[in-house]
Amino acid sequence: MVEKGLSDVSTETLKKELETRENAGKQPPKPLERPDFTELRKTVIEGIEEAVREQYEDEDFEHYVYEAAMEAVYGKDFWTWRNKQKW
């Protein structure tokens, strides 16, 4: 078997490979096959109940709902992927 060096590979092939590698980390993770909405439901219900009781909605409520939704659909590992993104 003859091993090919980089000089044997076309520039176009190398560029395509680099693009493929760069885009690999940008693809969103796959959603969970069986999402678990338990924490999302709890966050929403408790947040609304507290808002009614206190007559005030926590300024971070929407953020908490967003976090719970992402974890419900993608799992807790979603944040590892998300934190690597450079949008």
N, C-alpha and C. Protein backbone atom coordinates (compact mmCIF):
# COMPACT_ATOMS: atom_id res chain seq x y z
N MET A 1 0.83 -1.17 0.00
CA MET A 1 0.00 0.00 0.00
C MET A 1 0.89 1.25 0.00
N VAL A 2 0.60 2.16 -0.90
CA VAL A 2 1.38 3.38 -1.02
C VAL A 2 0.66 4.49 -0.26
N GLU A 3 1.36 5.13 0.64
CA GLU A 3 0.77 6.19 1.44
C GLU A 3 0.91 7.52 0.70
N LYS A 4 -0.20 8.26 0.62
CA LYS A 4 -0.19 9.55 -0.06
C LYS A 4 0.19 10.65 0.91
N GLY A 5 1.02 11.57 0.47
CA GLY A 5 1.35 12.74 1.26
C GLY A 5 0.43 13.88 0.87
N LEU A 6 0.47 14.95 1.61
CA LEU A 6 -0.39 16.08 1.30
C LEU A 6 -0.08 16.69 -0.06
N SER A 7 1.16 16.58 -0.50
CA SER A 7 1.52 17.14 -1.80
C SER A 7 0.85 16.39 -2.94
N ASP A 8 0.37 15.18 -2.67
CA ASP A 8 -0.32 14.38 -3.68
C ASP A 8 -1.82 14.68 -3.75
N VAL A 9 -2.31 15.52 -2.85
CA VAL A 9 -3.74 15.84 -2.79
C VAL A 9 -3.94 17.23 -3.39
N SER A 10 -4.98 17.34 -4.21
CA SER A 10 -5.23 18.63 -4.86
C SER A 10 -5.63 19.70 -3.85
N THR A 11 -5.35 20.93 -4.20
CA THR A 11 -5.71 22.07 -3.35
C THR A 11 -7.22 22.11 -3.15
N GLU A 12 -7.96 21.83 -4.20
CA GLU A 12 -9.43 21.84 -4.10
C GLU A 12 -9.91 20.79 -3.10
N THR A 13 -9.34 19.60 -3.13
CA THR A 13 -9.71 18.54 -2.20
C THR A 13 -9.37 18.95 -0.77
N LEU A 14 -8.20 19.56 -0.58
CA LEU A 14 -7.81 20.02 0.76
C LEU A 14 -8.77 21.09 1.27
N LYS A 15 -9.14 22.04 0.40
CA LYS A 15 -10.07 23.09 0.81
C LYS A 15 -11.42 22.52 1.19
N LYS A 16 -11.91 21.56 0.43
CA LYS A 16 -13.19 20.92 0.74
C LYS A 16 -13.12 20.20 2.07
N GLU A 17 -12.02 19.52 2.33
CA GLU A 17 -11.86 18.80 3.60
C GLU A 17 -11.84 19.78 4.77
N LEU A 18 -11.12 20.87 4.63
CA LEU A 18 -11.08 21.88 5.70
C LEU A 18 -12.45 22.49 5.94
N GLU A 19 -13.19 22.76 4.88
CA GLU A 19 -14.53 23.30 5.01
C GLU A 19 -15.46 22.31 5.71
N THR A 20 -15.34 21.04 5.34
CA THR A 20 -16.14 19.99 5.97
C THR A 20 -15.85 19.92 7.46
N ARG A 21 -14.59 19.96 7.82
CA ARG A 21 -14.21 19.91 9.24
C ARG A 21 -14.70 21.14 10.00
N GLU A 22 -14.58 22.31 9.36
CA GLU A 22 -15.02 23.54 10.01
C GLU A 22 -16.53 23.54 10.23
N ASN A 23 -17.28 23.06 9.27
CA ASN A 23 -18.74 23.05 9.37
C ASN A 23 -19.27 21.94 10.28
N ALA A 24 -18.45 20.93 10.55
CA ALA A 24 -18.90 19.81 11.38
C ALA A 24 -19.33 20.28 12.77
N GLY A 25 -18.59 21.19 13.36
CA GLY A 25 -18.92 21.69 14.69
C GLY A 25 -20.06 22.67 14.71
N LYS A 26 -20.44 23.17 13.53
CA LYS A 26 -21.51 24.15 13.46
C LYS A 26 -22.88 23.51 13.34
N GLN A 27 -22.91 22.25 13.00
CA GLN A 27 -24.19 21.56 12.88
C GLN A 27 -24.81 21.40 14.26
N PRO A 28 -26.10 21.67 14.37
CA PRO A 28 -26.73 21.53 15.68
C PRO A 28 -26.76 20.07 16.12
N PRO A 29 -26.76 19.84 17.41
CA PRO A 29 -26.86 18.46 17.89
C PRO A 29 -28.21 17.88 17.50
N LYS A 30 -28.29 16.59 17.46
CA LYS A 30 -29.57 15.94 17.15
C LYS A 30 -30.49 16.04 18.36
N PRO A 31 -31.75 16.34 18.11
CA PRO A 31 -32.71 16.37 19.23
C PRO A 31 -32.82 14.98 19.86
N LEU A 32 -33.14 14.94 21.13
CA LEU A 32 -33.32 13.67 21.82
C LEU A 32 -34.48 12.90 21.18
N GLU A 33 -34.32 11.60 21.08
CA GLU A 33 -35.40 10.78 20.55
C GLU A 33 -36.65 10.86 21.44
N ARG A 34 -36.39 10.93 22.73
CA ARG A 34 -37.49 11.03 23.70
C ARG A 34 -37.24 12.23 24.61
N PRO A 35 -37.67 13.40 24.16
CA PRO A 35 -37.46 14.59 24.99
C PRO A 35 -38.14 14.45 26.35
N ASP A 36 -37.55 15.09 27.33
CA ASP A 36 -38.11 15.07 28.69
C ASP A 36 -38.48 16.51 29.05
N PHE A 37 -39.77 16.79 29.06
CA PHE A 37 -40.25 18.14 29.32
C PHE A 37 -40.57 18.38 30.80
N THR A 38 -40.18 17.48 31.66
CA THR A 38 -40.48 17.60 33.09
C THR A 38 -39.98 18.91 33.67
N GLU A 39 -38.70 19.21 33.47
CA GLU A 39 -38.12 20.43 34.05
C GLU A 39 -38.68 21.68 33.39
N LEU A 40 -38.94 21.63 32.10
CA LEU A 40 -39.53 22.77 31.41
C LEU A 40 -40.90 23.08 31.99
N ARG A 41 -41.70 22.05 32.12
CA ARG A 41 -43.05 22.22 32.67
C ARG A 41 -42.98 22.79 34.09
N LYS A 42 -42.09 22.25 34.90
CA LYS A 42 -41.92 22.71 36.29
C LYS A 42 -41.48 24.18 36.31
N THR A 43 -40.53 24.55 35.47
CA THR A 43 -40.03 25.92 35.41
C THR A 43 -41.15 26.90 35.05
N VAL A 44 -41.94 26.52 34.05
CA VAL A 44 -43.03 27.40 33.60
C VAL A 44 -44.10 27.54 34.67
N ILE A 45 -44.53 26.43 35.21
CA ILE A 45 -45.60 26.45 36.22
C ILE A 45 -45.17 27.22 37.46
N GLU A 46 -43.99 26.90 37.98
CA GLU A 46 -43.52 27.59 39.18
C GLU A 46 -43.28 29.07 38.93
N GLY A 47 -42.76 29.40 37.74
CA GLY A 47 -42.51 30.81 37.42
C GLY A 47 -43.79 31.62 37.34
N ILE A 48 -44.81 31.06 36.73
CA ILE A 48 -46.09 31.76 36.62
C ILE A 48 -46.77 31.86 37.98
N GLU A 49 -46.75 30.76 38.75
CA GLU A 49 -47.36 30.80 40.08
C GLU A 49 -46.68 31.85 40.96
N GLU A 50 -45.36 31.92 40.88
CA GLU A 50 -44.62 32.90 41.67
C GLU A 50 -44.95 34.32 41.19
N ALA A 51 -45.05 34.53 39.90
CA ALA A 51 -45.37 35.85 39.36
C ALA A 51 -46.74 36.32 39.85
N VAL A 52 -47.71 35.41 39.86
CA VAL A 52 -49.05 35.76 40.34
C VAL A 52 -49.01 36.06 41.83
N ARG A 53 -48.33 35.21 42.58
CA ARG A 53 -48.25 35.36 44.04
C ARG A 53 -47.54 36.67 44.41
N GLU A 54 -46.45 36.97 43.73
CA GLU A 54 -45.64 38.14 44.06
C GLU A 54 -46.05 39.40 43.28
N GLN A 55 -46.93 39.22 42.30
CA GLN A 55 -47.33 40.32 41.42
C GLN A 55 -46.11 40.93 40.73
N TYR A 56 -45.19 40.04 40.39
CA TYR A 56 -43.94 40.48 39.76
C TYR A 56 -43.33 39.27 39.06
N GLU A 57 -42.90 39.46 37.81
CA GLU A 57 -42.25 38.36 37.09
C GLU A 57 -40.74 38.55 37.15
N ASP A 58 -40.06 37.52 37.59
CA ASP A 58 -38.60 37.54 37.65
C ASP A 58 -38.05 37.93 36.28
N GLU A 59 -37.12 38.87 36.27
CA GLU A 59 -36.57 39.34 34.99
C GLU A 59 -35.82 38.24 34.23
N ASP A 60 -35.44 37.18 34.90
CA ASP A 60 -34.74 36.08 34.24
C ASP A 60 -35.66 34.94 33.85
N PHE A 61 -36.95 35.08 34.06
CA PHE A 61 -37.90 34.00 33.80
C PHE A 61 -37.80 33.47 32.37
N GLU A 62 -37.78 34.35 31.38
CA GLU A 62 -37.70 33.91 29.98
C GLU A 62 -36.40 33.14 29.73
N HIS A 63 -35.34 33.58 30.35
CA HIS A 63 -34.05 32.90 30.21
C HIS A 63 -34.12 31.48 30.79
N TYR A 64 -34.74 31.34 31.95
CA TYR A 64 -34.89 30.02 32.57
C TYR A 64 -35.73 29.10 31.69
N VAL A 65 -36.78 29.65 31.08
CA VAL A 65 -37.64 28.85 30.20
C VAL A 65 -36.84 28.40 28.97
N TYR A 66 -36.07 29.31 28.40
CA TYR A 66 -35.23 28.99 27.24
C TYR A 66 -34.26 27.85 27.58
N GLU A 67 -33.57 27.98 28.70
CA GLU A 67 -32.62 26.94 29.11
C GLU A 67 -33.31 25.59 29.29
N ALA A 68 -34.45 25.60 29.96
CA ALA A 68 -35.18 24.35 30.20
C ALA A 68 -35.68 23.75 28.89
N ALA A 69 -36.09 24.60 27.95
CA ALA A 69 -36.57 24.11 26.66
C ALA A 69 -35.44 23.46 25.86
N MET A 70 -34.28 24.10 25.83
CA MET A 70 -33.14 23.54 25.08
C MET A 70 -32.71 22.20 25.67
N GLU A 71 -32.69 22.11 27.00
CA GLU A 71 -32.30 20.86 27.65
C GLU A 71 -33.36 19.78 27.45
N ALA A 72 -34.61 20.16 27.39
CA ALA A 72 -35.68 19.19 27.17
C ALA A 72 -35.55 18.57 25.78
N VAL A 73 -35.26 19.38 24.79
CA VAL A 73 -35.21 18.90 23.40
C VAL A 73 -33.86 18.28 23.05
N TYR A 74 -32.74 18.88 23.52
CA TYR A 74 -31.40 18.43 23.12
C TYR A 74 -30.61 17.73 24.22
N GLY A 75 -31.03 17.85 25.46
CA GLY A 75 -30.27 17.26 26.56
C GLY A 75 -29.31 18.29 27.14
N LYS A 76 -28.77 17.98 28.30
CA LYS A 76 -27.88 18.92 29.00
C LYS A 76 -26.59 19.17 28.24
N ASP A 77 -26.17 18.25 27.37
CA ASP A 77 -24.95 18.43 26.59
C ASP A 77 -25.09 19.53 25.53
N PHE A 78 -26.30 20.02 25.33
CA PHE A 78 -26.53 21.10 24.37
C PHE A 78 -25.61 22.27 24.65
N TRP A 79 -25.40 22.59 25.91
CA TRP A 79 -24.62 23.78 26.27
C TRP A 79 -23.16 23.65 25.90
N THR A 80 -22.62 22.44 25.90
CA THR A 80 -21.24 22.23 25.48
C THR A 80 -21.10 22.63 24.02
N TRP A 81 -22.06 22.19 23.18
CA TRP A 81 -22.04 22.54 21.77
C TRP A 81 -22.27 24.04 21.60
N ARG A 82 -23.29 24.58 22.28
CA ARG A 82 -23.67 25.99 22.12
C ARG A 82 -22.54 26.92 22.51
N ASN A 83 -21.83 26.60 23.57
CA ASN A 83 -20.76 27.47 24.03
C ASN A 83 -19.55 27.49 23.10
N LYS A 84 -19.46 26.54 22.19
CA LYS A 84 -18.38 26.50 21.22
C LYS A 84 -18.69 27.32 19.97
N GLN A 85 -19.95 27.73 19.81
CA GLN A 85 -20.35 28.47 18.61
C GLN A 85 -19.85 29.90 18.65
N LYS A 86 -19.49 30.40 17.47
CA LYS A 86 -18.97 31.77 17.36
C LYS A 86 -19.85 32.56 16.39
N TRP A 87 -21.10 32.73 16.76
CA TRP A 87 -22.02 33.47 15.88
C TRP A 87 -21.87 34.93 16.10
